[in-house]
Amino acid sequence: MTEVQFLDDEKTQDAVIRNFEIIGEACRNIDSYHPDFAQQHPEVPWGFAYEMRNALAHGYFKVDLEIVWKTIHNDLPDLAHQIETLLSTHRLSSI
């Protein structure tokens, strides 16, 4: 999907924004309920993900879809890699 297609597709925008909200809330929960774990993994932007969630959830008509698009392509791949690495590391350590 191109940026132009994304900007024209409200259904995809809604799905992406909702998933960013879920990711942000999950990061907040980890940071709040498991602060030692979050502090051991400062490479994961726990706070940034929650701030993004807040901006999207409470932005109402102010959501900047170009920033959402850039976040999908610039930040999300790194976050996904960081989480996948954490998951595989913790799976191996629990065996």
PDB file of N, CA and C in Angstrom:
ATOM      1  N   MET A   1       0.843  -1.166   0.000  1.00  0.00           N
ATOM      2  CA  MET A   1       0.000   0.000   0.000  1.00  0.00           C
ATOM      3  C   MET A   1       0.896   1.239   0.000  1.00  0.00           C
ATOM      4  N   THR A   2       0.555   2.183  -0.813  1.00  0.00           N
ATOM      5  CA  THR A   2       1.299   3.440  -0.863  1.00  0.00           C
ATOM      6  C   THR A   2       0.740   4.407   0.175  1.00  0.00           C
ATOM      7  N   GLU A   3       1.483   5.472   0.398  1.00  0.00           N
ATOM      8  CA  GLU A   3       1.004   6.490   1.336  1.00  0.00           C
ATOM      9  C   GLU A   3      -0.297   7.106   0.843  1.00  0.00           C
ATOM     10  N   VAL A   4      -0.395   7.370  -0.444  1.00  0.00           N
ATOM     11  CA  VAL A   4      -1.617   7.953  -1.007  1.00  0.00           C
ATOM     12  C   VAL A   4      -2.803   7.017  -0.776  1.00  0.00           C
ATOM     13  N   GLN A   5      -2.605   5.727  -1.012  1.00  0.00           N
ATOM     14  CA  GLN A   5      -3.677   4.760  -0.772  1.00  0.00           C
ATOM     15  C   GLN A   5      -4.070   4.735   0.702  1.00  0.00           C
ATOM     16  N   PHE A   6      -3.075   4.774   1.579  1.00  0.00           N
ATOM     17  CA  PHE A   6      -3.356   4.791   3.012  1.00  0.00           C
ATOM     18  C   PHE A   6      -4.174   6.024   3.388  1.00  0.00           C
ATOM     19  N   LEU A   7      -3.768   7.177   2.879  1.00  0.00           N
ATOM     20  CA  LEU A   7      -4.460   8.420   3.211  1.00  0.00           C
ATOM     21  C   LEU A   7      -5.882   8.458   2.673  1.00  0.00           C
ATOM     22  N   ASP A   8      -6.172   7.643   1.664  1.00  0.00           N
ATOM     23  CA  ASP A   8      -7.515   7.576   1.089  1.00  0.00           C
ATOM     24  C   ASP A   8      -8.370   6.458   1.669  1.00  0.00           C
ATOM     25  N   ASP A   9      -7.822   5.628   2.527  1.00  0.00           N
ATOM     26  CA  ASP A   9      -8.518   4.426   3.009  1.00  0.00           C
ATOM     27  C   ASP A   9      -8.821   4.537   4.508  1.00  0.00           C
ATOM     28  N   GLU A  10     -10.013   5.038   4.822  1.00  0.00           N
ATOM     29  CA  GLU A  10     -10.385   5.255   6.222  1.00  0.00           C
ATOM     30  C   GLU A  10     -10.453   3.957   7.021  1.00  0.00           C
ATOM     31  N   LYS A  11     -10.847   2.882   6.386  1.00  0.00           N
ATOM     32  CA  LYS A  11     -10.931   1.601   7.097  1.00  0.00           C
ATOM     33  C   LYS A  11      -9.538   1.147   7.555  1.00  0.00           C
ATOM     34  N   THR A  12      -8.559   1.264   6.685  1.00  0.00           N
ATOM     35  CA  THR A  12      -7.191   0.897   7.047  1.00  0.00           C
ATOM     36  C   THR A  12      -6.638   1.861   8.093  1.00  0.00           C
ATOM     37  N   GLN A  13      -6.909   3.138   7.941  1.00  0.00           N
ATOM     38  CA  GLN A  13      -6.476   4.119   8.941  1.00  0.00           C
ATOM     39  C   GLN A  13      -7.023   3.753  10.320  1.00  0.00           C
ATOM     40  N   ASP A  14      -8.316   3.458  10.378  1.00  0.00           N
ATOM     41  CA  ASP A  14      -8.940   3.093  11.656  1.00  0.00           C
ATOM     42  C   ASP A  14      -8.297   1.846  12.252  1.00  0.00           C
ATOM     43  N   ALA A  15      -8.032   0.853  11.420  1.00  0.00           N
ATOM     44  CA  ALA A  15      -7.421  -0.390  11.903  1.00  0.00           C
ATOM     45  C   ALA A  15      -6.010  -0.136  12.430  1.00  0.00           C
ATOM     46  N   VAL A  16      -5.240   0.640  11.703  1.00  0.00           N
ATOM     47  CA  VAL A  16      -3.867   0.939  12.118  1.00  0.00           C
ATOM     48  C   VAL A  16      -3.870   1.736  13.418  1.00  0.00           C
ATOM     49  N   ILE A  17      -4.704   2.755  13.483  1.00  0.00           N
ATOM     50  CA  ILE A  17      -4.775   3.581  14.689  1.00  0.00           C
ATOM     51  C   ILE A  17      -5.202   2.740  15.881  1.00  0.00           C
ATOM     52  N   ARG A  18      -6.185   1.882  15.704  1.00  0.00           N
ATOM     53  CA  ARG A  18      -6.634   1.027  16.805  1.00  0.00           C
ATOM     54  C   ARG A  18      -5.506   0.108  17.267  1.00  0.00           C
ATOM     55  N   ASN A  19      -4.764  -0.453  16.336  1.00  0.00           N
ATOM     56  CA  ASN A  19      -3.652  -1.328  16.715  1.00  0.00           C
ATOM     57  C   ASN A  19      -2.539  -0.558  17.419  1.00  0.00           C
ATOM     58  N   PHE A  20      -2.273   0.673  17.010  1.00  0.00           N
ATOM     59  CA  PHE A  20      -1.302   1.499  17.734  1.00  0.00           C
ATOM     60  C   PHE A  20      -1.787   1.780  19.157  1.00  0.00           C
ATOM     61  N   GLU A  21      -3.091   1.993  19.304  1.00  0.00           N
ATOM     62  CA  GLU A  21      -3.643   2.200  20.649  1.00  0.00           C
ATOM     63  C   GLU A  21      -3.431   0.963  21.518  1.00  0.00           C
ATOM     64  N   ILE A  22      -3.659  -0.206  20.960  1.00  0.00           N
ATOM     65  CA  ILE A  22      -3.474  -1.463  21.700  1.00  0.00           C
ATOM     66  C   ILE A  22      -2.005  -1.656  22.075  1.00  0.00           C
ATOM     67  N   ILE A  23      -1.113  -1.413  21.129  1.00  0.00           N
ATOM     68  CA  ILE A  23       0.326  -1.535  21.397  1.00  0.00           C
ATOM     69  C   ILE A  23       0.738  -0.569  22.506  1.00  0.00           C
ATOM     70  N   GLY A  24       0.273   0.658  22.420  1.00  0.00           N
ATOM     71  CA  GLY A  24       0.614   1.655  23.432  1.00  0.00           C
ATOM     72  C   GLY A  24       0.103   1.292  24.806  1.00  0.00           C
ATOM     73  N   GLU A  25      -1.117   0.789  24.871  1.00  0.00           N
ATOM     74  CA  GLU A  25      -1.685   0.386  26.161  1.00  0.00           C
ATOM     75  C   GLU A  25      -0.921  -0.805  26.735  1.00  0.00           C
ATOM     76  N   ALA A  26      -0.542  -1.742  25.881  1.00  0.00           N
ATOM     77  CA  ALA A  26       0.246  -2.894  26.342  1.00  0.00           C
ATOM     78  C   ALA A  26       1.601  -2.434  26.884  1.00  0.00           C
ATOM     79  N   CYS A  27       2.228  -1.495  26.207  1.00  0.00           N
ATOM     80  CA  CYS A  27       3.515  -0.973  26.685  1.00  0.00           C
ATOM     81  C   CYS A  27       3.353  -0.260  28.022  1.00  0.00           C
ATOM     82  N   ARG A  28       2.263   0.477  28.183  1.00  0.00           N
ATOM     83  CA  ARG A  28       2.018   1.139  29.465  1.00  0.00           C
ATOM     84  C   ARG A  28       1.831   0.113  30.569  1.00  0.00           C
ATOM     85  N   ASN A  29       1.091  -0.953  30.273  1.00  0.00           N
ATOM     86  CA  ASN A  29       0.868  -1.992  31.279  1.00  0.00           C
ATOM     87  C   ASN A  29       2.174  -2.663  31.689  1.00  0.00           C
ATOM     88  N   ILE A  30       3.030  -2.927  30.732  1.00  0.00           N
ATOM     89  CA  ILE A  30       4.332  -3.519  31.065  1.00  0.00           C
ATOM     90  C   ILE A  30       5.130  -2.554  31.929  1.00  0.00           C
ATOM     91  N   ASP A  31       5.159  -1.299  31.527  1.00  0.00           N
ATOM     92  CA  ASP A  31       5.908  -0.292  32.278  1.00  0.00           C
ATOM     93  C   ASP A  31       5.333  -0.096  33.684  1.00  0.00           C
ATOM     94  N   SER A  32       4.010  -0.167  33.819  1.00  0.00           N
ATOM     95  CA  SER A  32       3.360   0.056  35.117  1.00  0.00           C
ATOM     96  C   SER A  32       3.415  -1.158  36.030  1.00  0.00           C
ATOM     97  N   TYR A  33       3.119  -2.326  35.473  1.00  0.00           N
ATOM     98  CA  TYR A  33       2.980  -3.524  36.299  1.00  0.00           C
ATOM     99  C   TYR A  33       4.249  -4.368  36.385  1.00  0.00           C
ATOM    100  N   HIS A  34       5.169  -4.120  35.479  1.00  0.00           N
ATOM    101  CA  HIS A  34       6.438  -4.858  35.469  1.00  0.00           C
ATOM    102  C   HIS A  34       7.592  -3.878  35.233  1.00  0.00           C
ATOM    103  N   PRO A  35       7.736  -2.886  36.109  1.00  0.00           N
ATOM    104  CA  PRO A  35       8.742  -1.844  35.870  1.00  0.00           C
ATOM    105  C   PRO A  35      10.172  -2.373  35.830  1.00  0.00           C
ATOM    106  N   ASP A  36      10.454  -3.418  36.593  1.00  0.00           N
ATOM    107  CA  ASP A  36      11.807  -3.984  36.549  1.00  0.00           C
ATOM    108  C   ASP A  36      12.120  -4.526  35.164  1.00  0.00           C
ATOM    109  N   PHE A  37      11.142  -5.216  34.577  1.00  0.00           N
ATOM    110  CA  PHE A  37      11.314  -5.756  33.228  1.00  0.00           C
ATOM    111  C   PHE A  37      11.520  -4.613  32.233  1.00  0.00           C
ATOM    112  N   ALA A  38      10.688  -3.589  32.325  1.00  0.00           N
ATOM    113  CA  ALA A  38      10.801  -2.454  31.404  1.00  0.00           C
ATOM    114  C   ALA A  38      12.161  -1.776  31.546  1.00  0.00           C
ATOM    115  N   GLN A  39      12.635  -1.630  32.769  1.00  0.00           N
ATOM    116  CA  GLN A  39      13.936  -0.989  32.990  1.00  0.00           C
ATOM    117  C   GLN A  39      15.091  -1.844  32.479  1.00  0.00           C
ATOM    118  N   GLN A  40      14.911  -3.158  32.487  1.00  0.00           N
ATOM    119  CA  GLN A  40      15.948  -4.051  31.965  1.00  0.00           C
ATOM    120  C   GLN A  40      16.025  -3.998  30.442  1.00  0.00           C
ATOM    121  N   HIS A  41      15.000  -3.433  29.819  1.00  0.00           N
ATOM    122  CA  HIS A  41      14.935  -3.381  28.352  1.00  0.00           C
ATOM    123  C   HIS A  41      14.650  -1.952  27.882  1.00  0.00           C
ATOM    124  N   PRO A  42      15.605  -1.055  28.121  1.00  0.00           N
ATOM    125  CA  PRO A  42      15.398   0.339  27.717  1.00  0.00           C
ATOM    126  C   PRO A  42      15.403   0.537  26.200  1.00  0.00           C
ATOM    127  N   GLU A  43      15.813  -0.490  25.469  1.00  0.00           N
ATOM    128  CA  GLU A  43      15.806  -0.384  24.005  1.00  0.00           C
ATOM    129  C   GLU A  43      14.389  -0.331  23.450  1.00  0.00           C
ATOM    130  N   VAL A  44      13.422  -0.782  24.233  1.00  0.00           N
ATOM    131  CA  VAL A  44      12.020  -0.735  23.811  1.00  0.00           C
ATOM    132  C   VAL A  44      11.441   0.605  24.261  1.00  0.00           C
ATOM    133  N   PRO A  45      10.842   1.348  23.342  1.00  0.00           N
ATOM    134  CA  PRO A  45      10.325   2.677  23.695  1.00  0.00           C
ATOM    135  C   PRO A  45       8.964   2.606  24.404  1.00  0.00           C
ATOM    136  N   TRP A  46       8.957   2.056  25.612  1.00  0.00           N
ATOM    137  CA  TRP A  46       7.705   1.854  26.355  1.00  0.00           C
ATOM    138  C   TRP A  46       6.901   3.153  26.456  1.00  0.00           C
ATOM    139  N   GLY A  47       7.561   4.221  26.882  1.00  0.00           N
ATOM    140  CA  GLY A  47       6.872   5.496  27.072  1.00  0.00           C
ATOM    141  C   GLY A  47       6.409   6.114  25.770  1.00  0.00           C
ATOM    142  N   PHE A  48       7.255   6.049  24.753  1.00  0.00           N
ATOM    143  CA  PHE A  48       6.890   6.629  23.462  1.00  0.00           C
ATOM    144  C   PHE A  48       5.652   5.954  22.890  1.00  0.00           C
ATOM    145  N   ALA A  49       5.583   4.637  23.013  1.00  0.00           N
ATOM    146  CA  ALA A  49       4.429   3.905  22.477  1.00  0.00           C
ATOM    147  C   ALA A  49       3.149   4.354  23.169  1.00  0.00           C
ATOM    148  N   TYR A  50       3.220   4.580  24.480  1.00  0.00           N
ATOM    149  CA  TYR A  50       2.037   5.034  25.211  1.00  0.00           C
ATOM    150  C   TYR A  50       1.689   6.479  24.852  1.00  0.00           C
ATOM    151  N   GLU A  51       2.695   7.316  24.668  1.00  0.00           N
ATOM    152  CA  GLU A  51       2.438   8.698  24.256  1.00  0.00           C
ATOM    153  C   GLU A  51       1.773   8.738  22.880  1.00  0.00           C
ATOM    154  N   MET A  52       2.219   7.868  21.986  1.00  0.00           N
ATOM    155  CA  MET A  52       1.606   7.775  20.658  1.00  0.00           C
ATOM    156  C   MET A  52       0.157   7.344  20.795  1.00  0.00           C
ATOM    157  N   ARG A  53      -0.088   6.359  21.667  1.00  0.00           N
ATOM    158  CA  ARG A  53      -1.448   5.884  21.921  1.00  0.00           C
ATOM    159  C   ARG A  53      -2.325   7.032  22.390  1.00  0.00           C
ATOM    160  N   ASN A  54      -1.825   7.820  23.343  1.00  0.00           N
ATOM    161  CA  ASN A  54      -2.606   8.941  23.862  1.00  0.00           C
ATOM    162  C   ASN A  54      -2.901   9.967  22.782  1.00  0.00           C
ATOM    163  N   ALA A  55      -1.911  10.271  21.971  1.00  0.00           N
ATOM    164  CA  ALA A  55      -2.110  11.241  20.895  1.00  0.00           C
ATOM    165  C   ALA A  55      -3.183  10.760  19.925  1.00  0.00           C
ATOM    166  N   LEU A  56      -3.181   9.463  19.632  1.00  0.00           N
ATOM    167  CA  LEU A  56      -4.168   8.919  18.701  1.00  0.00           C
ATOM    168  C   LEU A  56      -5.542   8.798  19.348  1.00  0.00           C
ATOM    169  N   ALA A  57      -5.575   8.314  20.584  1.00  0.00           N
ATOM    170  CA  ALA A  57      -6.852   8.077  21.248  1.00  0.00           C
ATOM    171  C   ALA A  57      -7.564   9.379  21.601  1.00  0.00           C
ATOM    172  N   HIS A  58      -6.806  10.418  21.888  1.00  0.00           N
ATOM    173  CA  HIS A  58      -7.410  11.667  22.337  1.00  0.00           C
ATOM    174  C   HIS A  58      -7.239  12.800  21.333  1.00  0.00           C
ATOM    175  N   GLY A  59      -6.738  12.473  20.161  1.00  0.00           N
ATOM    176  CA  GLY A  59      -6.492  13.494  19.160  1.00  0.00           C
ATOM    177  C   GLY A  59      -7.736  13.979  18.451  1.00  0.00           C
ATOM    178  N   TYR A  60      -8.802  13.162  18.482  1.00  0.00           N
ATOM    179  CA  TYR A  60     -10.052  13.491  17.820  1.00  0.00           C
ATOM    180  C   TYR A  60      -9.781  13.880  16.374  1.00  0.00           C
ATOM    181  N   PHE A  61      -9.980  15.118  16.012  1.00  0.00           N
ATOM    182  CA  PHE A  61      -9.823  15.509  14.615  1.00  0.00           C
ATOM    183  C   PHE A  61      -8.402  15.968  14.300  1.00  0.00           C
ATOM    184  N   LYS A  62      -7.496  15.820  15.252  1.00  0.00           N
ATOM    185  CA  LYS A  62      -6.139  16.324  15.085  1.00  0.00           C
ATOM    186  C   LYS A  62      -5.132  15.242  14.713  1.00  0.00           C
ATOM    187  N   VAL A  63      -5.577  14.029  14.445  1.00  0.00           N
ATOM    188  CA  VAL A  63      -4.644  12.951  14.112  1.00  0.00           C
ATOM    189  C   VAL A  63      -3.964  13.278  12.785  1.00  0.00           C
ATOM    190  N   ASP A  64      -2.653  13.299  12.803  1.00  0.00           N
ATOM    191  CA  ASP A  64      -1.871  13.572  11.602  1.00  0.00           C
ATOM    192  C   ASP A  64      -1.548  12.237  10.941  1.00  0.00           C
ATOM    193  N   LEU A  65      -2.266  11.926   9.880  1.00  0.00           N
ATOM    194  CA  LEU A  65      -2.117  10.630   9.225  1.00  0.00           C
ATOM    195  C   LEU A  65      -0.753  10.458   8.563  1.00  0.00           C
ATOM    196  N   GLU A  66      -0.113  11.546   8.204  1.00  0.00           N
ATOM    197  CA  GLU A  66       1.236  11.434   7.644  1.00  0.00           C
ATOM    198  C   GLU A  66       2.220  10.975   8.718  1.00  0.00           C
ATOM    199  N   ILE A  67       2.025  11.419   9.958  1.00  0.00           N
ATOM    200  CA  ILE A  67       2.870  10.943  11.058  1.00  0.00           C
ATOM    201  C   ILE A  67       2.588   9.473  11.326  1.00  0.00           C
ATOM    202  N   VAL A  68       1.320   9.085  11.263  1.00  0.00           N
ATOM    203  CA  VAL A  68       0.970   7.670  11.439  1.00  0.00           C
ATOM    204  C   VAL A  68       1.669   6.845  10.365  1.00  0.00           C
ATOM    205  N   TRP A  69       1.620   7.291   9.127  1.00  0.00           N
ATOM    206  CA  TRP A  69       2.270   6.577   8.024  1.00  0.00           C
ATOM    207  C   TRP A  69       3.776   6.455   8.263  1.00  0.00           C
ATOM    208  N   LYS A  70       4.401   7.550   8.658  1.00  0.00           N
ATOM    209  CA  LYS A  70       5.849   7.519   8.915  1.00  0.00           C
ATOM    210  C   LYS A  70       6.178   6.588  10.080  1.00  0.00           C
ATOM    211  N   THR A  71       5.325   6.575  11.089  1.00  0.00           N
ATOM    212  CA  THR A  71       5.543   5.690  12.236  1.00  0.00           C
ATOM    213  C   THR A  71       5.461   4.231  11.810  1.00  0.00           C
ATOM    214  N   ILE A  72       4.514   3.921  10.934  1.00  0.00           N
ATOM    215  CA  ILE A  72       4.385   2.549  10.420  1.00  0.00           C
ATOM    216  C   ILE A  72       5.704   2.111   9.789  1.00  0.00           C
ATOM    217  N   HIS A  73       6.291   2.981   9.005  1.00  0.00           N
ATOM    218  CA  HIS A  73       7.471   2.603   8.226  1.00  0.00           C
ATOM    219  C   HIS A  73       8.801   2.868   8.930  1.00  0.00           C
ATOM    220  N   ASN A  74       8.847   3.848   9.818  1.00  0.00           N
ATOM    221  CA  ASN A  74      10.120   4.203  10.460  1.00  0.00           C
ATOM    222  C   ASN A  74      10.302   3.594  11.843  1.00  0.00           C
ATOM    223  N   ASP A  75       9.225   3.462  12.601  1.00  0.00           N
ATOM    224  CA  ASP A  75       9.338   3.025  13.997  1.00  0.00           C
ATOM    225  C   ASP A  75       8.812   1.618  14.245  1.00  0.00           C
ATOM    226  N   LEU A  76       7.740   1.258  13.588  1.00  0.00           N
ATOM    227  CA  LEU A  76       7.113  -0.037  13.848  1.00  0.00           C
ATOM    228  C   LEU A  76       8.021  -1.225  13.540  1.00  0.00           C
ATOM    229  N   PRO A  77       8.785  -1.219  12.450  1.00  0.00           N
ATOM    230  CA  PRO A  77       9.681  -2.361  12.209  1.00  0.00           C
ATOM    231  C   PRO A  77      10.700  -2.563  13.330  1.00  0.00           C
ATOM    232  N   ASP A  78      11.254  -1.465  13.855  1.00  0.00           N
ATOM    233  CA  ASP A  78      12.208  -1.586  14.965  1.00  0.00           C
ATOM    234  C   ASP A  78      11.524  -2.122  16.214  1.00  0.00           C
ATOM    235  N   LEU A  79      10.342  -1.609  16.522  1.00  0.00           N
ATOM    236  CA  LEU A  79       9.609  -2.081  17.695  1.00  0.00           C
ATOM    237  C   LEU A  79       9.276  -3.558  17.556  1.00  0.00           C
ATOM    238  N   ALA A  80       8.825  -3.963  16.387  1.00  0.00           N
ATOM    239  CA  ALA A  80       8.503  -5.380  16.162  1.00  0.00           C
ATOM    240  C   ALA A  80       9.741  -6.250  16.371  1.00  0.00           C
ATOM    241  N   HIS A  81      10.869  -5.814  15.854  1.00  0.00           N
ATOM    242  CA  HIS A  81      12.115  -6.572  16.028  1.00  0.00           C
ATOM    243  C   HIS A  81      12.506  -6.656  17.503  1.00  0.00           C
ATOM    244  N   GLN A  82      12.394  -5.550  18.215  1.00  0.00           N
ATOM    245  CA  GLN A  82      12.737  -5.538  19.642  1.00  0.00           C
ATOM    246  C   GLN A  82      11.849  -6.503  20.428  1.00  0.00           C
ATOM    247  N   ILE A  83      10.563  -6.499  20.143  1.00  0.00           N
ATOM    248  CA  ILE A  83       9.628  -7.379  20.851  1.00  0.00           C
ATOM    249  C   ILE A  83       9.880  -8.836  20.473  1.00  0.00           C
ATOM    250  N   GLU A  84      10.105  -9.107  19.189  1.00  0.00           N
ATOM    251  CA  GLU A  84      10.404 -10.483  18.767  1.00  0.00           C
ATOM    252  C   GLU A  84      11.670 -10.998  19.447  1.00  0.00           C
ATOM    253  N   THR A  85      12.680 -10.151  19.561  1.00  0.00           N
ATOM    254  CA  THR A  85      13.919 -10.543  20.242  1.00  0.00           C
ATOM    255  C   THR A  85      13.654 -10.838  21.712  1.00  0.00           C
ATOM    256  N   LEU A  86      12.888  -9.979  22.374  1.00  0.00           N
ATOM    257  CA  LEU A  86      12.537 -10.217  23.778  1.00  0.00           C
ATOM    258  C   LEU A  86      11.788 -11.529  23.947  1.00  0.00           C
ATOM    259  N   LEU A  87      10.824 -11.760  23.078  1.00  0.00           N
ATOM    260  CA  LEU A  87      10.033 -12.990  23.176  1.00  0.00           C
ATOM    261  C   LEU A  87      10.901 -14.225  22.990  1.00  0.00           C
ATOM    262  N   SER A  88      11.753 -14.208  21.979  1.00  0.00           N
ATOM    263  CA  SER A  88      12.583 -15.393  21.742  1.00  0.00           C
ATOM    264  C   SER A  88      13.589 -15.586  22.871  1.00  0.00           C
ATOM    265  N   THR A  89      14.139 -14.516  23.402  1.00  0.00           N
ATOM    266  CA  THR A  89      15.081 -14.611  24.519  1.00  0.00           C
ATOM    267  C   THR A  89      14.402 -15.181  25.755  1.00  0.00           C
ATOM    268  N   HIS A  90      13.218 -14.700  26.047  1.00  0.00           N
ATOM    269  CA  HIS A  90      12.518 -15.154  27.249  1.00  0.00           C
ATOM    270  C   HIS A  90      11.935 -16.549  27.081  1.00  0.00           C
ATOM    271  N   ARG A  91      11.604 -16.934  25.868  1.00  0.00           N
ATOM    272  CA  ARG A  91      11.166 -18.317  25.633  1.00  0.00           C
ATOM    273  C   ARG A  91      12.322 -19.271  25.878  1.00  0.00           C
ATOM    274  N   LEU A  92      13.504 -18.910  25.367  1.00  0.00           N
ATOM    275  CA  LEU A  92      14.682 -19.765  25.538  1.00  0.00           C
ATOM    276  C   LEU A  92      15.100 -19.851  27.005  1.00  0.00           C
ATOM    277  N   SER A  93      14.985 -18.750  27.730  1.00  0.00           N
ATOM    278  CA  SER A  93      15.409 -18.768  29.131  1.00  0.00           C
ATOM    279  C   SER A  93      14.426 -19.513  30.022  1.00  0.00           C
ATOM    280  N   SER A  94      13.211 -19.732  29.538  1.00  0.00           N
ATOM    281  CA  SER A  94      12.228 -20.456  30.355  1.00  0.00           C
ATOM    282  C   SER A  94      12.204 -21.949  30.049  1.00  0.00           C
ATOM    283  N   ILE A  95      13.036 -22.387  29.097  1.00  0.00           N
ATOM    284  CA  ILE A  95      13.080 -23.816  28.746  1.00  0.00           C
ATOM    285  C   ILE A  95      13.949 -24.555  29.731  1.00  0.00           C
TER     286      ILE A  95
END
